[in-house]
Amino acid sequence: MKTSSYAEARQIFREHKGLLRTAQAIDLGIPSATLYAMRDAGVIVQESRGLYRLDGVELTTHPDLVQVCQRVPKAVVCLISALDFHDLTTQIPHRIAIALPRGARKPKLDYPRVQVVHMAEPAYEAGIETHDADGFAIRVYSAEKTIADCIKFRRRLGTEIVQEALRLYLSRPSIHLDALLRFAQINRVEGLLRRYLEVLV
């Protein structure tokens, strides 16, 4: 049922934590004309193409990751962005690194900037964790899967980043070497991981 009322549309936004994609908003009964009129009136803020936030609602926990995961439902945060999420790097990511299944189209996002890595099965599906950020779901690879991915893409990232991530991981009071080895097997880098561990342990 469509509504052209700002008040009703505002309520729909509130029921969805203040953030909606264009297609979602239309499916929920907000006509595109009302959506654009609300944007022009400052009732909603266009975060990026096709993503709107109700004015006054602030995303405080990982706002860039929330935006990307809302815009690209199949995205899984990976590589340096996932290392940063898990506090396994001192690097500051300049783009949000996301994994998509092989063959998926690269999303067109003006902001935040993204780096897309296409992965084949089962590497894409393995190790996905879902975390809550201001009520929104963010899909991120586990710390162990992220390290295995960074070893696989070490030429792109640099071995220093991989070594730092492993050092930080191994310094934690609770680690899961069995999971680390399992993901390294999936990525076909188990031998490399073992060599890194021999040096660091």
N, C-alpha and C. Protein backbone atom coordinates (compact mmCIF):
# COMPACT_ATOMS: atom_id res chain seq x y z
N MET A 1 0.84 -1.19 0.00
CA MET A 1 0.00 0.00 0.00
C MET A 1 0.88 1.24 0.00
N LYS A 2 0.68 2.09 -1.00
CA LYS A 2 1.53 3.27 -1.13
C LYS A 2 1.05 4.40 -0.24
N THR A 3 2.02 5.21 0.20
CA THR A 3 1.68 6.38 0.99
C THR A 3 2.49 7.56 0.49
N SER A 4 1.89 8.70 0.42
CA SER A 4 2.61 9.90 0.03
C SER A 4 2.83 10.81 1.24
N SER A 5 2.39 10.38 2.41
CA SER A 5 2.53 11.18 3.62
C SER A 5 3.94 11.10 4.18
N TYR A 6 4.54 12.28 4.45
CA TYR A 6 5.87 12.30 5.05
C TYR A 6 5.87 11.59 6.40
N ALA A 7 4.81 11.81 7.17
CA ALA A 7 4.74 11.22 8.51
C ALA A 7 4.75 9.70 8.43
N GLU A 8 3.96 9.15 7.50
CA GLU A 8 3.92 7.69 7.36
C GLU A 8 5.25 7.16 6.82
N ALA A 9 5.82 7.90 5.87
CA ALA A 9 7.10 7.47 5.31
C ALA A 9 8.19 7.53 6.38
N ARG A 10 8.14 8.57 7.21
CA ARG A 10 9.11 8.71 8.31
C ARG A 10 9.01 7.50 9.25
N GLN A 11 7.76 7.09 9.52
CA GLN A 11 7.55 5.95 10.41
C GLN A 11 8.14 4.67 9.81
N ILE A 12 7.99 4.51 8.50
CA ILE A 12 8.56 3.35 7.82
C ILE A 12 10.07 3.35 7.97
N PHE A 13 10.69 4.52 7.80
CA PHE A 13 12.14 4.63 7.99
C PHE A 13 12.52 4.26 9.42
N ARG A 14 11.75 4.78 10.41
CA ARG A 14 12.05 4.49 11.82
C ARG A 14 11.97 2.99 12.10
N GLU A 15 10.98 2.33 11.51
CA GLU A 15 10.81 0.88 11.72
C GLU A 15 11.97 0.08 11.14
N HIS A 16 12.75 0.72 10.24
CA HIS A 16 13.90 0.05 9.62
C HIS A 16 15.20 0.75 10.02
N LYS A 17 15.20 1.26 11.26
CA LYS A 17 16.39 1.84 11.89
C LYS A 17 16.92 3.06 11.15
N GLY A 18 16.07 3.70 10.35
CA GLY A 18 16.42 4.98 9.74
C GLY A 18 17.21 4.90 8.46
N LEU A 19 17.40 3.70 7.92
CA LEU A 19 18.22 3.56 6.71
C LEU A 19 17.52 2.62 5.74
N LEU A 20 17.32 3.09 4.50
CA LEU A 20 16.66 2.27 3.49
C LEU A 20 17.30 2.47 2.12
N ARG A 21 17.36 1.38 1.37
CA ARG A 21 17.71 1.48 -0.05
C ARG A 21 16.46 1.91 -0.81
N THR A 22 16.66 2.49 -1.98
CA THR A 22 15.53 2.96 -2.79
C THR A 22 14.53 1.83 -3.04
N ALA A 23 15.03 0.68 -3.46
CA ALA A 23 14.14 -0.45 -3.78
C ALA A 23 13.37 -0.89 -2.55
N GLN A 24 14.04 -0.90 -1.38
CA GLN A 24 13.37 -1.27 -0.13
C GLN A 24 12.23 -0.30 0.16
N ALA A 25 12.54 1.00 0.07
CA ALA A 25 11.55 2.03 0.38
C ALA A 25 10.32 1.89 -0.50
N ILE A 26 10.55 1.66 -1.79
CA ILE A 26 9.42 1.52 -2.73
C ILE A 26 8.62 0.26 -2.40
N ASP A 27 9.33 -0.85 -2.10
CA ASP A 27 8.65 -2.10 -1.73
C ASP A 27 7.80 -1.93 -0.47
N LEU A 28 8.25 -1.04 0.42
CA LEU A 28 7.54 -0.82 1.68
C LEU A 28 6.42 0.20 1.55
N GLY A 29 6.23 0.74 0.34
CA GLY A 29 5.08 1.62 0.12
C GLY A 29 5.39 3.09 -0.02
N ILE A 30 6.67 3.46 -0.05
CA ILE A 30 7.02 4.87 -0.24
C ILE A 30 7.28 5.09 -1.73
N PRO A 31 6.45 5.87 -2.41
CA PRO A 31 6.68 6.10 -3.85
C PRO A 31 7.99 6.85 -4.07
N SER A 32 8.60 6.63 -5.21
CA SER A 32 9.87 7.29 -5.50
C SER A 32 9.72 8.81 -5.46
N ALA A 33 8.57 9.34 -5.91
CA ALA A 33 8.35 10.79 -5.89
C ALA A 33 8.39 11.33 -4.46
N THR A 34 7.77 10.58 -3.53
CA THR A 34 7.79 10.99 -2.11
C THR A 34 9.20 10.91 -1.56
N LEU A 35 9.92 9.86 -1.94
CA LEU A 35 11.30 9.68 -1.48
C LEU A 35 12.16 10.87 -1.90
N TYR A 36 12.06 11.25 -3.16
CA TYR A 36 12.89 12.36 -3.66
C TYR A 36 12.45 13.69 -3.07
N ALA A 37 11.13 13.84 -2.85
CA ALA A 37 10.64 15.07 -2.22
C ALA A 37 11.15 15.18 -0.78
N MET A 38 11.17 14.05 -0.08
CA MET A 38 11.71 14.04 1.28
C MET A 38 13.20 14.39 1.28
N ARG A 39 13.91 13.88 0.30
CA ARG A 39 15.34 14.21 0.18
C ARG A 39 15.52 15.71 -0.07
N ASP A 40 14.73 16.26 -1.00
CA ASP A 40 14.86 17.68 -1.33
C ASP A 40 14.47 18.58 -0.16
N ALA A 41 13.56 18.07 0.69
CA ALA A 41 13.11 18.86 1.85
C ALA A 41 14.03 18.67 3.06
N GLY A 42 15.01 17.77 2.94
CA GLY A 42 15.94 17.55 4.05
C GLY A 42 15.41 16.60 5.11
N VAL A 43 14.29 15.92 4.82
CA VAL A 43 13.72 14.97 5.78
C VAL A 43 14.59 13.71 5.84
N ILE A 44 15.13 13.33 4.67
CA ILE A 44 16.07 12.22 4.61
C ILE A 44 17.35 12.70 3.93
N VAL A 45 18.43 12.02 4.21
CA VAL A 45 19.74 12.38 3.66
C VAL A 45 20.19 11.26 2.73
N GLN A 46 20.64 11.65 1.53
CA GLN A 46 21.14 10.65 0.60
C GLN A 46 22.59 10.34 0.97
N GLU A 47 22.82 9.15 1.53
CA GLU A 47 24.16 8.76 1.96
C GLU A 47 25.04 8.45 0.75
N SER A 48 24.47 7.76 -0.21
CA SER A 48 25.15 7.44 -1.46
C SER A 48 24.04 7.08 -2.44
N ARG A 49 24.42 6.82 -3.68
CA ARG A 49 23.39 6.55 -4.68
C ARG A 49 22.54 5.36 -4.25
N GLY A 50 21.21 5.61 -4.11
CA GLY A 50 20.30 4.52 -3.78
C GLY A 50 20.21 4.17 -2.31
N LEU A 51 20.80 4.99 -1.42
CA LEU A 51 20.75 4.71 0.01
C LEU A 51 20.40 5.99 0.76
N TYR A 52 19.34 5.93 1.58
CA TYR A 52 18.83 7.11 2.28
C TYR A 52 18.77 6.87 3.78
N ARG A 53 19.10 7.93 4.52
CA ARG A 53 19.07 7.89 5.99
C ARG A 53 18.14 8.98 6.49
N LEU A 54 17.29 8.62 7.45
CA LEU A 54 16.38 9.59 8.05
C LEU A 54 17.19 10.63 8.80
N ASP A 55 16.91 11.91 8.54
CA ASP A 55 17.65 12.98 9.20
C ASP A 55 17.51 12.85 10.71
N GLY A 56 18.61 12.98 11.42
CA GLY A 56 18.58 12.86 12.88
C GLY A 56 19.01 11.49 13.36
N VAL A 57 19.02 10.51 12.46
CA VAL A 57 19.49 9.17 12.82
C VAL A 57 20.96 9.09 12.42
N GLU A 58 21.82 8.83 13.39
CA GLU A 58 23.25 8.76 13.13
C GLU A 58 23.74 7.33 13.27
N LEU A 59 24.57 6.92 12.32
CA LEU A 59 25.22 5.62 12.40
C LEU A 59 26.57 5.83 13.08
N THR A 60 26.74 5.27 14.26
CA THR A 60 27.96 5.52 15.02
C THR A 60 28.92 4.34 15.01
N THR A 61 28.43 3.14 14.72
CA THR A 61 29.27 1.94 14.74
C THR A 61 29.53 1.49 13.31
N HIS A 62 30.77 1.63 12.87
CA HIS A 62 31.18 1.20 11.52
C HIS A 62 30.24 1.74 10.43
N PRO A 63 30.03 3.06 10.36
CA PRO A 63 29.05 3.59 9.39
C PRO A 63 29.37 3.25 7.93
N ASP A 64 30.66 3.25 7.56
CA ASP A 64 31.00 2.92 6.17
C ASP A 64 30.69 1.47 5.84
N LEU A 65 30.98 0.58 6.79
CA LEU A 65 30.68 -0.84 6.56
C LEU A 65 29.17 -1.06 6.46
N VAL A 66 28.41 -0.37 7.32
CA VAL A 66 26.95 -0.49 7.27
C VAL A 66 26.45 -0.06 5.89
N GLN A 67 26.94 1.09 5.40
CA GLN A 67 26.48 1.58 4.10
C GLN A 67 26.77 0.58 2.99
N VAL A 68 27.99 0.05 2.98
CA VAL A 68 28.36 -0.89 1.92
C VAL A 68 27.52 -2.16 2.01
N CYS A 69 27.35 -2.69 3.22
CA CYS A 69 26.58 -3.94 3.38
C CYS A 69 25.10 -3.74 3.08
N GLN A 70 24.59 -2.53 3.30
CA GLN A 70 23.21 -2.24 2.93
C GLN A 70 23.05 -2.14 1.42
N ARG A 71 24.02 -1.52 0.77
CA ARG A 71 23.95 -1.35 -0.68
C ARG A 71 24.24 -2.64 -1.42
N VAL A 72 25.13 -3.47 -0.86
CA VAL A 72 25.57 -4.69 -1.57
C VAL A 72 25.32 -5.89 -0.64
N PRO A 73 24.11 -6.44 -0.67
CA PRO A 73 23.75 -7.50 0.28
C PRO A 73 24.65 -8.72 0.28
N LYS A 74 25.29 -9.04 -0.86
CA LYS A 74 26.17 -10.22 -0.91
C LYS A 74 27.59 -9.91 -0.44
N ALA A 75 27.87 -8.67 -0.13
CA ALA A 75 29.24 -8.29 0.25
C ALA A 75 29.64 -8.90 1.58
N VAL A 76 30.89 -9.34 1.65
CA VAL A 76 31.49 -9.79 2.91
C VAL A 76 32.76 -8.97 3.09
N VAL A 77 32.88 -8.27 4.21
CA VAL A 77 34.06 -7.44 4.47
C VAL A 77 35.27 -8.36 4.58
N CYS A 78 36.36 -8.00 3.88
CA CYS A 78 37.51 -8.89 3.82
C CYS A 78 38.83 -8.12 3.85
N LEU A 79 39.92 -8.87 3.77
CA LEU A 79 41.28 -8.36 3.68
C LEU A 79 41.56 -7.27 4.71
N ILE A 80 42.17 -6.12 4.31
CA ILE A 80 42.59 -5.13 5.31
C ILE A 80 41.39 -4.58 6.08
N SER A 81 40.24 -4.43 5.43
CA SER A 81 39.05 -3.93 6.13
C SER A 81 38.63 -4.88 7.24
N ALA A 82 38.73 -6.19 6.97
CA ALA A 82 38.40 -7.18 8.00
C ALA A 82 39.49 -7.23 9.07
N LEU A 83 40.76 -7.08 8.67
CA LEU A 83 41.84 -7.00 9.67
C LEU A 83 41.58 -5.83 10.62
N ASP A 84 41.20 -4.69 10.05
CA ASP A 84 40.90 -3.50 10.85
C ASP A 84 39.72 -3.77 11.79
N PHE A 85 38.69 -4.43 11.28
CA PHE A 85 37.52 -4.76 12.10
C PHE A 85 37.91 -5.62 13.29
N HIS A 86 38.83 -6.56 13.05
CA HIS A 86 39.25 -7.50 14.11
C HIS A 86 40.46 -6.99 14.91
N ASP A 87 40.86 -5.73 14.69
CA ASP A 87 42.04 -5.16 15.37
C ASP A 87 43.29 -5.98 15.13
N LEU A 88 43.52 -6.36 13.88
CA LEU A 88 44.68 -7.15 13.52
C LEU A 88 45.62 -6.41 12.57
N THR A 89 45.52 -5.09 12.54
CA THR A 89 46.42 -4.31 11.70
C THR A 89 46.55 -2.90 12.27
N THR A 90 47.69 -2.28 11.95
CA THR A 90 47.86 -0.86 12.29
C THR A 90 47.63 0.00 11.05
N GLN A 91 47.33 -0.65 9.92
CA GLN A 91 47.05 0.07 8.67
C GLN A 91 45.67 0.70 8.73
N ILE A 92 45.52 1.83 8.05
CA ILE A 92 44.21 2.47 7.94
C ILE A 92 43.68 2.21 6.53
N PRO A 93 42.60 1.44 6.40
CA PRO A 93 42.07 1.14 5.06
C PRO A 93 41.55 2.42 4.38
N HIS A 94 41.95 2.59 3.14
CA HIS A 94 41.47 3.75 2.36
C HIS A 94 40.23 3.41 1.53
N ARG A 95 39.98 2.11 1.39
CA ARG A 95 38.77 1.63 0.71
C ARG A 95 38.22 0.47 1.51
N ILE A 96 36.93 0.22 1.35
CA ILE A 96 36.32 -0.93 2.01
C ILE A 96 36.53 -2.14 1.09
N ALA A 97 37.27 -3.12 1.60
CA ALA A 97 37.50 -4.34 0.82
C ALA A 97 36.35 -5.31 1.06
N ILE A 98 35.72 -5.74 -0.03
CA ILE A 98 34.60 -6.68 0.08
C ILE A 98 34.81 -7.86 -0.86
N ALA A 99 34.36 -9.02 -0.42
CA ALA A 99 34.37 -10.21 -1.26
C ALA A 99 32.98 -10.42 -1.84
N LEU A 100 32.95 -10.83 -3.09
CA LEU A 100 31.71 -11.20 -3.77
C LEU A 100 31.94 -12.55 -4.46
N PRO A 101 30.86 -13.31 -4.67
CA PRO A 101 31.05 -14.58 -5.39
C PRO A 101 31.54 -14.34 -6.81
N ARG A 102 32.34 -15.26 -7.29
CA ARG A 102 32.87 -15.13 -8.65
C ARG A 102 31.72 -14.99 -9.64
N GLY A 103 31.84 -14.03 -10.54
CA GLY A 103 30.81 -13.79 -11.55
C GLY A 103 29.85 -12.68 -11.16
N ALA A 104 29.83 -12.28 -9.88
CA ALA A 104 28.94 -11.19 -9.45
C ALA A 104 29.43 -9.87 -10.02
N ARG A 105 28.50 -9.01 -10.37
CA ARG A 105 28.86 -7.71 -10.94
C ARG A 105 29.47 -6.81 -9.89
N LYS A 106 30.46 -6.04 -10.28
CA LYS A 106 31.09 -5.09 -9.37
C LYS A 106 30.12 -3.95 -9.10
N PRO A 107 29.85 -3.64 -7.83
CA PRO A 107 28.88 -2.57 -7.53
C PRO A 107 29.44 -1.20 -7.89
N LYS A 108 28.54 -0.29 -8.26
CA LYS A 108 28.94 1.09 -8.56
C LYS A 108 28.58 1.96 -7.36
N LEU A 109 29.58 2.23 -6.54
CA LEU A 109 29.36 3.05 -5.36
C LEU A 109 30.23 4.29 -5.46
N ASP A 110 29.60 5.47 -5.31
CA ASP A 110 30.36 6.71 -5.27
C ASP A 110 31.09 6.82 -3.94
N TYR A 111 30.40 6.44 -2.89
CA TYR A 111 30.96 6.50 -1.54
C TYR A 111 30.22 5.50 -0.66
N PRO A 112 30.91 4.81 0.22
CA PRO A 112 32.37 4.72 0.37
C PRO A 112 33.00 3.99 -0.82
N ARG A 113 34.28 4.27 -1.05
CA ARG A 113 35.00 3.59 -2.12
C ARG A 113 35.23 2.14 -1.71
N VAL A 114 35.09 1.24 -2.68
CA VAL A 114 35.24 -0.18 -2.38
C VAL A 114 36.31 -0.82 -3.26
N GLN A 115 36.90 -1.86 -2.71
CA GLN A 115 37.81 -2.74 -3.46
C GLN A 115 37.13 -4.10 -3.48
N VAL A 116 36.87 -4.62 -4.66
CA VAL A 116 36.13 -5.89 -4.78
C VAL A 116 37.09 -7.03 -5.07
N VAL A 117 36.93 -8.12 -4.31
CA VAL A 117 37.67 -9.35 -4.54
C VAL A 117 36.65 -10.43 -4.86
N HIS A 118 36.76 -11.03 -6.03
CA HIS A 118 35.85 -12.12 -6.39
C HIS A 118 36.44 -13.44 -5.92
N MET A 119 35.63 -14.23 -5.24
CA MET A 119 36.08 -15.52 -4.72
C MET A 119 35.19 -16.64 -5.23
N ALA A 120 35.83 -17.78 -5.49
CA ALA A 120 35.09 -18.98 -5.91
C ALA A 120 34.61 -19.71 -4.66
N GLU A 121 33.61 -20.56 -4.85
CA GLU A 121 33.19 -21.45 -3.76
C GLU A 121 34.29 -22.47 -3.52
N PRO A 122 34.53 -22.96 -2.30
CA PRO A 122 33.84 -22.57 -1.08
C PRO A 122 34.51 -21.40 -0.35
N ALA A 123 35.54 -20.80 -0.97
CA ALA A 123 36.26 -19.71 -0.29
C ALA A 123 35.35 -18.53 0.06
N TYR A 124 34.41 -18.22 -0.83
CA TYR A 124 33.51 -17.09 -0.56
C TYR A 124 32.61 -17.37 0.64
N GLU A 125 32.09 -18.59 0.74
CA GLU A 125 31.12 -18.92 1.80
C GLU A 125 31.78 -19.21 3.15
N ALA A 126 33.06 -19.55 3.14
CA ALA A 126 33.71 -20.01 4.38
C ALA A 126 34.03 -18.87 5.33
N GLY A 127 33.73 -19.08 6.60
CA GLY A 127 34.17 -18.16 7.64
C GLY A 127 33.40 -16.86 7.77
N ILE A 128 32.19 -16.80 7.23
CA ILE A 128 31.41 -15.56 7.33
C ILE A 128 30.81 -15.43 8.73
N GLU A 129 31.02 -14.29 9.35
CA GLU A 129 30.39 -13.94 10.62
C GLU A 129 29.46 -12.76 10.40
N THR A 130 28.38 -12.72 11.14
CA THR A 130 27.46 -11.59 11.07
C THR A 130 27.53 -10.82 12.38
N HIS A 131 27.86 -9.53 12.29
CA HIS A 131 27.99 -8.68 13.47
C HIS A 131 26.94 -7.58 13.43
N ASP A 132 26.54 -7.14 14.60
CA ASP A 132 25.53 -6.08 14.72
C ASP A 132 26.23 -4.73 14.83
N ALA A 133 25.77 -3.76 14.04
CA ALA A 133 26.26 -2.39 14.13
C ALA A 133 25.06 -1.46 14.08
N ASP A 134 24.72 -0.88 15.22
CA ASP A 134 23.54 0.00 15.30
C ASP A 134 22.28 -0.69 14.79
N GLY A 135 22.18 -1.99 15.01
CA GLY A 135 21.00 -2.72 14.58
C GLY A 135 21.08 -3.24 13.15
N PHE A 136 22.17 -2.94 12.45
CA PHE A 136 22.34 -3.42 11.08
C PHE A 136 23.32 -4.59 11.06
N ALA A 137 23.08 -5.52 10.16
CA ALA A 137 23.95 -6.69 10.05
C ALA A 137 25.12 -6.37 9.12
N ILE A 138 26.32 -6.65 9.62
CA ILE A 138 27.53 -6.53 8.81
C ILE A 138 28.12 -7.93 8.67
N ARG A 139 28.35 -8.35 7.44
CA ARG A 139 28.97 -9.66 7.21
C ARG A 139 30.47 -9.45 7.04
N VAL A 140 31.23 -10.12 7.89
CA VAL A 140 32.70 -9.99 7.93
C VAL A 140 33.28 -11.39 8.04
N TYR A 141 34.40 -11.62 7.35
CA TYR A 141 35.08 -12.90 7.54
C TYR A 141 35.69 -12.94 8.94
N SER A 142 35.72 -14.13 9.52
CA SER A 142 36.33 -14.33 10.83
C SER A 142 37.80 -13.93 10.78
N ALA A 143 38.39 -13.74 11.96
CA ALA A 143 39.81 -13.37 12.02
C ALA A 143 40.66 -14.43 11.33
N GLU A 144 40.35 -15.71 11.56
CA GLU A 144 41.13 -16.79 10.97
C GLU A 144 41.00 -16.84 9.45
N LYS A 145 39.78 -16.68 8.96
CA LYS A 145 39.57 -16.68 7.50
C LYS A 145 40.25 -15.47 6.88
N THR A 146 40.19 -14.33 7.56
CA THR A 146 40.81 -13.11 7.04
C THR A 146 42.31 -13.30 6.88
N ILE A 147 42.96 -13.89 7.88
CA ILE A 147 44.40 -14.12 7.79
C ILE A 147 44.72 -15.05 6.62
N ALA A 148 43.94 -16.12 6.46
CA ALA A 148 44.14 -17.04 5.33
C ALA A 148 43.96 -16.31 4.00
N ASP A 149 42.98 -15.41 3.92
CA ASP A 149 42.77 -14.63 2.70
C ASP A 149 43.95 -13.69 2.43
N CYS A 150 44.46 -13.07 3.50
CA CYS A 150 45.58 -12.15 3.34
C CYS A 150 46.83 -12.88 2.85
N ILE A 151 47.01 -14.12 3.31
CA ILE A 151 48.14 -14.92 2.81
C ILE A 151 47.94 -15.20 1.32
N LYS A 152 46.71 -15.54 0.96
CA LYS A 152 46.43 -15.83 -0.46
C LYS A 152 46.69 -14.61 -1.33
N PHE A 153 46.33 -13.43 -0.83
CA PHE A 153 46.49 -12.19 -1.61
C PHE A 153 47.70 -11.38 -1.14
N ARG A 154 48.73 -12.08 -0.65
CA ARG A 154 49.90 -11.41 -0.05
C ARG A 154 50.63 -10.52 -1.06
N ARG A 155 50.61 -10.89 -2.33
CA ARG A 155 51.31 -10.07 -3.33
C ARG A 155 50.60 -8.73 -3.51
N ARG A 156 49.30 -8.74 -3.36
CA ARG A 156 48.53 -7.50 -3.48
C ARG A 156 48.68 -6.64 -2.22
N LEU A 157 48.74 -7.29 -1.06
CA LEU A 157 48.75 -6.56 0.21
C LEU A 157 50.16 -6.24 0.71
N GLY A 158 51.09 -7.15 0.47
CA GLY A 158 52.43 -7.03 1.04
C GLY A 158 52.59 -7.99 2.21
N THR A 159 53.75 -8.66 2.27
CA THR A 159 53.96 -9.66 3.31
C THR A 159 54.04 -9.04 4.70
N GLU A 160 54.42 -7.74 4.79
CA GLU A 160 54.51 -7.10 6.11
C GLU A 160 53.14 -7.07 6.80
N ILE A 161 52.09 -6.82 6.01
CA ILE A 161 50.74 -6.78 6.57
C ILE A 161 50.33 -8.16 7.08
N VAL A 162 50.67 -9.19 6.31
CA VAL A 162 50.35 -10.57 6.71
C VAL A 162 51.08 -10.92 8.00
N GLN A 163 52.37 -10.62 8.06
CA GLN A 163 53.17 -10.95 9.25
C GLN A 163 52.67 -10.20 10.48
N GLU A 164 52.33 -8.92 10.30
CA GLU A 164 51.80 -8.15 11.43
C GLU A 164 50.49 -8.74 11.93
N ALA A 165 49.59 -9.10 11.00
CA ALA A 165 48.29 -9.67 11.38
C ALA A 165 48.49 -10.98 12.15
N LEU A 166 49.39 -11.82 11.67
CA LEU A 166 49.65 -13.09 12.35
C LEU A 166 50.25 -12.86 13.73
N ARG A 167 51.19 -11.91 13.83
CA ARG A 167 51.80 -11.61 15.14
C ARG A 167 50.73 -11.14 16.13
N LEU A 168 49.88 -10.22 15.69
CA LEU A 168 48.82 -9.70 16.57
C LEU A 168 47.85 -10.82 16.95
N TYR A 169 47.52 -11.69 15.99
CA TYR A 169 46.61 -12.79 16.26
C TYR A 169 47.20 -13.74 17.29
N LEU A 170 48.47 -14.13 17.09
CA LEU A 170 49.12 -15.10 17.96
C LEU A 170 49.35 -14.56 19.38
N SER A 171 49.32 -13.23 19.53
CA SER A 171 49.51 -12.63 20.85
C SER A 171 48.23 -12.63 21.69
N ARG A 172 47.13 -13.05 21.09
CA ARG A 172 45.85 -13.05 21.80
C ARG A 172 45.78 -14.21 22.79
N PRO A 173 45.04 -14.03 23.88
CA PRO A 173 44.94 -15.12 24.86
C PRO A 173 44.21 -16.34 24.33
N SER A 174 43.30 -16.14 23.36
CA SER A 174 42.54 -17.27 22.82
C SER A 174 42.66 -17.26 21.29
N ILE A 175 43.27 -18.30 20.74
CA ILE A 175 43.40 -18.41 19.29
C ILE A 175 42.91 -19.79 18.84
N HIS A 176 42.63 -19.91 17.55
CA HIS A 176 42.07 -21.15 17.01
C HIS A 176 42.90 -21.58 15.80
N LEU A 177 44.03 -22.24 16.08
CA LEU A 177 44.93 -22.64 15.01
C LEU A 177 44.30 -23.67 14.08
N ASP A 178 43.40 -24.51 14.63
CA ASP A 178 42.73 -25.50 13.78
C ASP A 178 41.88 -24.81 12.72
N ALA A 179 41.17 -23.74 13.11
CA ALA A 179 40.36 -22.99 12.15
C ALA A 179 41.25 -22.27 11.14
N LEU A 180 42.35 -21.72 11.62
CA LEU A 180 43.30 -21.02 10.74
C LEU A 180 43.83 -21.98 9.68
N LEU A 181 44.19 -23.18 10.09
CA LEU A 181 44.70 -24.18 9.14
C LEU A 181 43.61 -24.64 8.17
N ARG A 182 42.38 -24.77 8.69
CA ARG A 182 41.27 -25.21 7.81
C ARG A 182 41.02 -24.18 6.70
N PHE A 183 41.02 -22.90 7.06
CA PHE A 183 40.79 -21.87 6.04
C PHE A 183 41.98 -21.76 5.08
N ALA A 184 43.18 -22.00 5.61
CA ALA A 184 44.37 -21.99 4.75
C ALA A 184 44.28 -23.14 3.74
N GLN A 185 43.73 -24.28 4.15
CA GLN A 185 43.54 -25.41 3.23
C GLN A 185 42.56 -25.04 2.13
N ILE A 186 41.45 -24.40 2.53
CA ILE A 186 40.44 -23.98 1.54
C ILE A 186 41.07 -23.04 0.51
N ASN A 187 41.96 -22.13 0.99
CA ASN A 187 42.61 -21.17 0.10
C ASN A 187 43.87 -21.72 -0.57
N ARG A 188 44.21 -22.98 -0.23
CA ARG A 188 45.39 -23.64 -0.80
C ARG A 188 46.68 -22.90 -0.45
N VAL A 189 46.76 -22.43 0.79
CA VAL A 189 47.98 -21.74 1.25
C VAL A 189 48.44 -22.33 2.59
N GLU A 190 48.09 -23.59 2.85
CA GLU A 190 48.45 -24.19 4.13
C GLU A 190 49.97 -24.25 4.33
N GLY A 191 50.70 -24.60 3.27
CA GLY A 191 52.15 -24.66 3.37
C GLY A 191 52.76 -23.31 3.72
N LEU A 192 52.24 -22.27 3.09
CA LEU A 192 52.73 -20.92 3.38
C LEU A 192 52.42 -20.52 4.82
N LEU A 193 51.21 -20.83 5.27
CA LEU A 193 50.84 -20.50 6.65
C LEU A 193 51.78 -21.20 7.63
N ARG A 194 52.07 -22.46 7.38
CA ARG A 194 52.95 -23.21 8.29
C ARG A 194 54.35 -22.58 8.32
N ARG A 195 54.83 -22.09 7.17
CA ARG A 195 56.13 -21.44 7.15
C ARG A 195 56.12 -20.14 7.95
N TYR A 196 55.04 -19.36 7.79
CA TYR A 196 54.90 -18.13 8.59
C TYR A 196 54.90 -18.48 10.09
N LEU A 197 54.16 -19.53 10.44
CA LEU A 197 54.05 -19.91 11.87
C LEU A 197 55.39 -20.38 12.42
N GLU A 198 56.17 -21.08 11.61
CA GLU A 198 57.48 -21.55 12.06
C GLU A 198 58.39 -20.36 12.41
N VAL A 199 58.26 -19.28 11.66
CA VAL A 199 59.09 -18.09 11.91
C VAL A 199 58.60 -17.33 13.13
N LEU A 200 57.28 -17.26 13.30
CA LEU A 200 56.71 -16.38 14.34
C LEU A 200 56.50 -17.06 15.68
N VAL A 201 56.33 -18.38 15.67
CA VAL A 201 56.01 -19.05 16.94
C VAL A 201 57.31 -19.43 17.67
